[in-house]
């Protein structure tokens, strides 16, 4: 069906296909990463987190018995580090998947150009 449409519409058909591919590639490349979302969230929540830390420091200064144990503090620290690292792994994987998609689309575009040139030279 596409071959018939390509023969009837000619260059306009191929221009539209290239435009679709280029738009999709641009969308994939413009998709924010998890790190981008994390940075936005950190920026938005930064002052609230700082206020909470200050309030806890004041609370613990007034009531040292409420301070978490060293083991609890270590567990919280390790969990925070894991929370920081897990999205990086996922982001790296997503970047590979996105780049594979882009390369596949660009290969399709290249194949279309080659085939179109071959047909034009017949």
N, C-alpha and C. Protein backbone atom coordinates (compact mmCIF):
# COMPACT_ATOMS: atom_id res chain seq x y z
N UNK A 1 0.82 -1.19 0.00
CA UNK A 1 0.00 0.00 0.00
C UNK A 1 0.87 1.26 0.00
N UNK A 2 1.92 1.25 0.84
CA UNK A 2 2.80 2.41 0.91
C UNK A 2 3.52 2.63 -0.42
N UNK A 3 3.84 1.54 -1.11
CA UNK A 3 4.53 1.68 -2.39
C UNK A 3 3.66 2.39 -3.42
N UNK A 4 2.37 2.03 -3.41
CA UNK A 4 1.44 2.68 -4.34
C UNK A 4 1.33 4.16 -4.00
N UNK A 5 1.17 4.45 -2.71
CA UNK A 5 1.05 5.85 -2.29
C UNK A 5 2.33 6.62 -2.63
N UNK A 6 3.48 5.98 -2.46
CA UNK A 6 4.75 6.64 -2.77
C UNK A 6 4.85 6.96 -4.25
N UNK A 7 4.38 6.03 -5.09
CA UNK A 7 4.44 6.27 -6.53
C UNK A 7 3.48 7.40 -6.94
N UNK A 8 2.31 7.44 -6.31
CA UNK A 8 1.31 8.45 -6.65
C UNK A 8 1.73 9.83 -6.16
N UNK A 9 2.18 9.90 -4.90
CA UNK A 9 2.46 11.20 -4.28
C UNK A 9 3.91 11.64 -4.43
N UNK A 10 4.78 10.72 -4.74
CA UNK A 10 6.18 11.07 -5.01
C UNK A 10 6.91 11.67 -3.82
N UNK A 11 7.60 12.78 -4.09
CA UNK A 11 8.47 13.41 -3.09
C UNK A 11 7.70 13.84 -1.84
N UNK A 12 6.45 14.25 -2.00
CA UNK A 12 5.66 14.67 -0.83
C UNK A 12 5.49 13.51 0.15
N UNK A 13 5.28 12.32 -0.38
CA UNK A 13 5.15 11.13 0.47
C UNK A 13 6.40 10.94 1.31
N UNK A 14 7.58 11.00 0.66
CA UNK A 14 8.83 10.78 1.38
C UNK A 14 9.13 11.92 2.34
N UNK A 15 8.82 13.12 1.97
CA UNK A 15 9.04 14.26 2.87
C UNK A 15 8.23 14.11 4.14
N UNK A 16 6.99 13.65 4.00
CA UNK A 16 6.15 13.43 5.18
C UNK A 16 6.74 12.33 6.07
N UNK A 17 7.23 11.26 5.46
CA UNK A 17 7.82 10.16 6.24
C UNK A 17 9.06 10.63 6.98
N UNK A 18 9.90 11.42 6.30
CA UNK A 18 11.10 11.95 6.94
C UNK A 18 10.73 12.88 8.09
N UNK A 19 9.71 13.66 7.89
CA UNK A 19 9.26 14.58 8.94
C UNK A 19 8.79 13.81 10.18
N UNK A 20 8.07 12.72 9.96
CA UNK A 20 7.60 11.89 11.07
C UNK A 20 8.80 11.31 11.83
N UNK A 21 9.77 10.80 11.09
CA UNK A 21 10.96 10.22 11.73
C UNK A 21 11.72 11.30 12.50
N UNK A 22 11.94 12.45 11.87
CA UNK A 22 12.68 13.54 12.53
C UNK A 22 11.96 14.01 13.79
N UNK A 23 10.64 14.11 13.74
CA UNK A 23 9.87 14.53 14.91
C UNK A 23 10.00 13.52 16.03
N UNK A 24 9.91 12.24 15.70
CA UNK A 24 10.02 11.20 16.72
C UNK A 24 11.42 11.19 17.34
N UNK A 25 12.44 11.34 16.53
CA UNK A 25 13.82 11.39 17.04
C UNK A 25 13.97 12.58 17.99
N UNK A 26 13.45 13.73 17.61
CA UNK A 26 13.54 14.92 18.46
C UNK A 26 12.80 14.71 19.78
N UNK A 27 11.63 14.07 19.72
CA UNK A 27 10.87 13.80 20.95
C UNK A 27 11.65 12.87 21.88
N UNK A 28 12.24 11.84 21.32
CA UNK A 28 13.00 10.90 22.15
C UNK A 28 14.18 11.62 22.80
N UNK A 29 14.89 12.41 22.01
CA UNK A 29 16.08 13.09 22.54
C UNK A 29 15.71 14.18 23.55
N UNK A 30 14.50 14.73 23.46
CA UNK A 30 14.08 15.80 24.37
C UNK A 30 13.43 15.26 25.65
N UNK A 31 13.18 13.97 25.71
CA UNK A 31 12.53 13.39 26.89
C UNK A 31 13.43 13.56 28.11
N UNK A 32 12.90 14.17 29.17
CA UNK A 32 13.72 14.36 30.38
C UNK A 32 14.10 13.02 31.00
N UNK A 33 15.26 13.00 31.62
CA UNK A 33 15.71 11.80 32.32
C UNK A 33 15.20 11.84 33.75
N UNK A 34 15.34 10.72 34.44
CA UNK A 34 14.97 10.69 35.86
C UNK A 34 15.82 11.67 36.65
N UNK A 35 17.07 11.83 36.25
CA UNK A 35 17.95 12.79 36.92
C UNK A 35 17.41 14.21 36.77
N UNK A 36 16.83 14.52 35.60
CA UNK A 36 16.23 15.83 35.39
C UNK A 36 15.05 16.05 36.35
N UNK A 37 14.19 15.02 36.46
CA UNK A 37 13.06 15.13 37.37
C UNK A 37 13.52 15.25 38.82
N UNK A 38 14.56 14.49 39.17
CA UNK A 38 15.09 14.54 40.52
C UNK A 38 15.65 15.92 40.84
N UNK A 39 16.35 16.50 39.87
CA UNK A 39 16.91 17.84 40.07
C UNK A 39 15.80 18.87 40.26
N UNK A 40 14.73 18.75 39.48
CA UNK A 40 13.60 19.68 39.64
C UNK A 40 12.95 19.52 41.00
N UNK A 41 12.76 18.27 41.43
CA UNK A 41 12.15 18.01 42.73
C UNK A 41 13.03 18.52 43.85
N UNK A 42 14.33 18.30 43.75
CA UNK A 42 15.26 18.77 44.78
C UNK A 42 15.23 20.29 44.87
N UNK A 43 15.16 20.93 43.72
CA UNK A 43 15.11 22.40 43.70
C UNK A 43 13.84 22.90 44.37
N UNK A 44 12.72 22.25 44.05
CA UNK A 44 11.43 22.66 44.63
C UNK A 44 11.36 22.37 46.12
N UNK A 45 11.95 21.26 46.54
CA UNK A 45 11.83 20.84 47.94
C UNK A 45 13.02 21.25 48.80
N UNK A 46 14.04 21.83 48.20
CA UNK A 46 15.27 22.16 48.91
C UNK A 46 15.08 22.91 50.20
N UNK A 47 14.32 24.00 50.17
CA UNK A 47 14.15 24.81 51.38
C UNK A 47 13.33 24.07 52.42
N UNK A 48 12.36 23.28 52.00
CA UNK A 48 11.55 22.52 52.97
C UNK A 48 12.41 21.47 53.67
N UNK A 49 13.27 20.81 52.93
CA UNK A 49 14.15 19.80 53.51
C UNK A 49 15.11 20.46 54.50
N UNK A 50 15.65 21.61 54.11
CA UNK A 50 16.57 22.32 55.00
C UNK A 50 15.87 22.75 56.29
N UNK A 51 14.64 23.24 56.18
CA UNK A 51 13.85 23.62 57.38
C UNK A 51 13.63 22.41 58.28
N UNK A 52 13.32 21.26 57.67
CA UNK A 52 13.10 20.05 58.46
C UNK A 52 14.37 19.65 59.21
N UNK A 53 15.51 19.72 58.53
CA UNK A 53 16.77 19.38 59.18
C UNK A 53 17.04 20.31 60.37
N UNK A 54 16.79 21.59 60.17
CA UNK A 54 17.01 22.56 61.24
C UNK A 54 16.07 22.29 62.42
N UNK A 55 14.82 21.97 62.12
CA UNK A 55 13.85 21.68 63.18
C UNK A 55 14.23 20.42 63.94
N UNK A 56 14.69 19.40 63.23
CA UNK A 56 15.13 18.17 63.90
C UNK A 56 16.35 18.42 64.77
N UNK A 57 17.28 19.22 64.26
CA UNK A 57 18.47 19.53 65.05
C UNK A 57 18.09 20.24 66.34
N UNK A 58 17.15 21.16 66.23
CA UNK A 58 16.68 21.87 67.43
C UNK A 58 15.97 20.90 68.37
N UNK A 59 15.13 20.03 67.85
CA UNK A 59 14.41 19.05 68.67
C UNK A 59 15.39 18.14 69.39
N UNK A 60 16.40 17.64 68.67
CA UNK A 60 17.37 16.74 69.28
C UNK A 60 18.23 17.47 70.32
N UNK A 61 18.48 18.76 70.09
CA UNK A 61 19.25 19.53 71.07
C UNK A 61 18.44 19.67 72.37
N UNK A 62 17.14 19.86 72.23
CA UNK A 62 16.28 20.02 73.41
C UNK A 62 15.92 18.67 74.04
N UNK A 63 15.84 17.63 73.23
CA UNK A 63 15.44 16.30 73.72
C UNK A 63 16.37 15.24 73.12
N UNK A 64 17.59 15.12 73.65
CA UNK A 64 18.56 14.17 73.09
C UNK A 64 18.07 12.72 73.11
N UNK A 65 17.15 12.40 73.99
CA UNK A 65 16.62 11.03 74.05
C UNK A 65 15.83 10.64 72.81
N UNK A 66 15.40 11.63 72.04
CA UNK A 66 14.64 11.36 70.81
C UNK A 66 15.56 11.11 69.60
N UNK A 67 16.84 11.42 69.77
CA UNK A 67 17.78 11.25 68.66
C UNK A 67 17.83 9.77 68.28
N UNK A 68 17.79 9.47 66.97
CA UNK A 68 17.85 8.07 66.54
C UNK A 68 19.21 7.46 66.90
N UNK A 69 19.21 6.15 67.02
CA UNK A 69 20.45 5.44 67.34
C UNK A 69 21.41 5.54 66.16
N UNK A 70 22.67 5.21 66.42
CA UNK A 70 23.68 5.22 65.35
C UNK A 70 23.29 4.24 64.25
N UNK A 71 22.73 3.09 64.63
CA UNK A 71 22.32 2.09 63.63
C UNK A 71 21.20 2.63 62.76
N UNK A 72 20.24 3.30 63.37
CA UNK A 72 19.12 3.88 62.60
C UNK A 72 19.63 4.98 61.67
N UNK A 73 20.52 5.82 62.19
CA UNK A 73 21.10 6.90 61.38
C UNK A 73 21.86 6.32 60.18
N UNK A 74 22.63 5.25 60.42
CA UNK A 74 23.36 4.60 59.34
C UNK A 74 22.39 4.01 58.32
N UNK A 75 21.33 3.36 58.79
CA UNK A 75 20.34 2.77 57.88
C UNK A 75 19.69 3.85 57.01
N UNK A 76 19.35 4.97 57.61
CA UNK A 76 18.74 6.08 56.86
C UNK A 76 19.73 6.62 55.81
N UNK A 77 20.98 6.76 56.21
CA UNK A 77 22.02 7.25 55.30
C UNK A 77 22.21 6.29 54.13
N UNK A 78 22.26 5.00 54.41
CA UNK A 78 22.45 4.01 53.35
C UNK A 78 21.24 3.96 52.41
N UNK A 79 20.04 4.09 52.98
CA UNK A 79 18.83 4.08 52.15
C UNK A 79 18.82 5.30 51.23
N UNK A 80 19.24 6.44 51.78
CA UNK A 80 19.29 7.66 50.97
C UNK A 80 20.29 7.50 49.82
N UNK A 81 21.41 6.87 50.10
CA UNK A 81 22.42 6.64 49.06
C UNK A 81 21.88 5.68 47.99
N UNK A 82 21.19 4.64 48.42
CA UNK A 82 20.57 3.71 47.46
C UNK A 82 19.52 4.44 46.62
N UNK A 83 18.74 5.29 47.26
CA UNK A 83 17.72 6.06 46.54
C UNK A 83 18.37 6.99 45.51
N UNK A 84 19.56 7.46 45.80
CA UNK A 84 20.26 8.33 44.88
C UNK A 84 20.83 7.53 43.70
N UNK A 85 21.31 6.32 43.96
CA UNK A 85 21.97 5.53 42.93
C UNK A 85 21.01 4.77 42.01
N UNK A 86 19.90 4.29 42.54
CA UNK A 86 18.98 3.47 41.73
C UNK A 86 18.48 4.20 40.49
N UNK A 87 18.07 5.46 40.59
CA UNK A 87 17.64 6.14 39.36
C UNK A 87 18.75 6.31 38.34
N UNK A 88 19.99 6.40 38.79
CA UNK A 88 21.11 6.54 37.86
C UNK A 88 21.23 5.29 37.00
N UNK A 89 21.11 4.11 37.62
CA UNK A 89 21.14 2.87 36.85
C UNK A 89 20.00 2.81 35.85
N UNK A 90 18.81 3.17 36.31
CA UNK A 90 17.65 3.15 35.42
C UNK A 90 17.82 4.16 34.30
N UNK A 91 18.30 5.35 34.63
CA UNK A 91 18.54 6.37 33.61
C UNK A 91 19.53 5.88 32.56
N UNK A 92 20.60 5.25 33.00
CA UNK A 92 21.60 4.74 32.05
C UNK A 92 20.97 3.71 31.10
N UNK A 93 20.14 2.83 31.65
CA UNK A 93 19.47 1.84 30.82
C UNK A 93 18.51 2.53 29.84
N UNK A 94 17.74 3.51 30.34
CA UNK A 94 16.80 4.22 29.47
C UNK A 94 17.51 4.98 28.37
N UNK A 95 18.67 5.55 28.67
CA UNK A 95 19.43 6.25 27.64
C UNK A 95 19.87 5.30 26.54
N UNK A 96 20.27 4.09 26.90
CA UNK A 96 20.66 3.09 25.90
C UNK A 96 19.45 2.71 25.04
N UNK A 97 18.31 2.49 25.67
CA UNK A 97 17.09 2.13 24.94
C UNK A 97 16.69 3.26 23.99
N UNK A 98 16.73 4.49 24.50
CA UNK A 98 16.36 5.63 23.64
C UNK A 98 17.30 5.76 22.46
N UNK A 99 18.59 5.61 22.72
CA UNK A 99 19.56 5.74 21.62
C UNK A 99 19.37 4.62 20.61
N UNK A 100 19.03 3.42 21.06
CA UNK A 100 18.72 2.33 20.13
C UNK A 100 17.53 2.69 19.25
N UNK A 101 16.51 3.29 19.85
CA UNK A 101 15.33 3.70 19.09
C UNK A 101 15.71 4.75 18.05
N UNK A 102 16.52 5.72 18.45
CA UNK A 102 16.95 6.78 17.53
C UNK A 102 17.74 6.17 16.38
N UNK A 103 18.69 5.29 16.70
CA UNK A 103 19.52 4.69 15.65
C UNK A 103 18.67 3.85 14.69
N UNK A 104 17.67 3.16 15.21
CA UNK A 104 16.78 2.37 14.35
C UNK A 104 16.02 3.29 13.40
N UNK A 105 15.50 4.40 13.92
CA UNK A 105 14.76 5.33 13.07
C UNK A 105 15.65 5.98 12.02
N UNK A 106 16.87 6.33 12.43
CA UNK A 106 17.79 6.94 11.46
C UNK A 106 18.21 5.92 10.40
N UNK A 107 18.35 4.66 10.79
CA UNK A 107 18.66 3.61 9.82
C UNK A 107 17.50 3.45 8.83
N UNK A 108 16.28 3.52 9.33
CA UNK A 108 15.10 3.44 8.44
C UNK A 108 15.11 4.60 7.46
N UNK A 109 15.41 5.77 7.97
CA UNK A 109 15.45 6.95 7.09
C UNK A 109 16.52 6.78 6.02
N UNK A 110 17.68 6.29 6.43
CA UNK A 110 18.77 6.06 5.48
C UNK A 110 18.38 5.02 4.44
N UNK A 111 17.71 3.96 4.88
CA UNK A 111 17.27 2.92 3.95
C UNK A 111 16.25 3.47 2.96
N UNK A 112 15.36 4.31 3.46
CA UNK A 112 14.36 4.92 2.58
C UNK A 112 15.04 5.80 1.53
N UNK A 113 16.02 6.59 1.96
CA UNK A 113 16.74 7.45 1.02
C UNK A 113 17.45 6.60 -0.03
N UNK A 114 18.12 5.54 0.42
CA UNK A 114 18.83 4.67 -0.53
C UNK A 114 17.88 4.03 -1.53
N UNK A 115 16.76 3.55 -1.02
CA UNK A 115 15.79 2.91 -1.90
C UNK A 115 15.18 3.92 -2.86
N UNK A 116 14.89 5.10 -2.36
CA UNK A 116 14.32 6.15 -3.20
C UNK A 116 15.28 6.57 -4.29
N UNK A 117 16.57 6.69 -3.95
CA UNK A 117 17.57 7.05 -4.95
C UNK A 117 17.73 5.92 -5.98
N UNK A 118 17.70 4.68 -5.51
CA UNK A 118 17.83 3.55 -6.42
C UNK A 118 16.65 3.52 -7.40
N UNK A 119 15.46 3.80 -6.90
CA UNK A 119 14.28 3.81 -7.78
C UNK A 119 14.34 4.98 -8.75
N UNK A 120 14.87 6.10 -8.27
CA UNK A 120 14.97 7.28 -9.14
C UNK A 120 15.97 7.08 -10.28
N UNK A 121 16.99 6.25 -10.03
CA UNK A 121 18.02 6.01 -11.04
C UNK A 121 17.65 4.90 -12.01
N UNK A 122 16.49 4.31 -11.85
CA UNK A 122 16.08 3.22 -12.77
C UNK A 122 15.56 3.76 -14.06
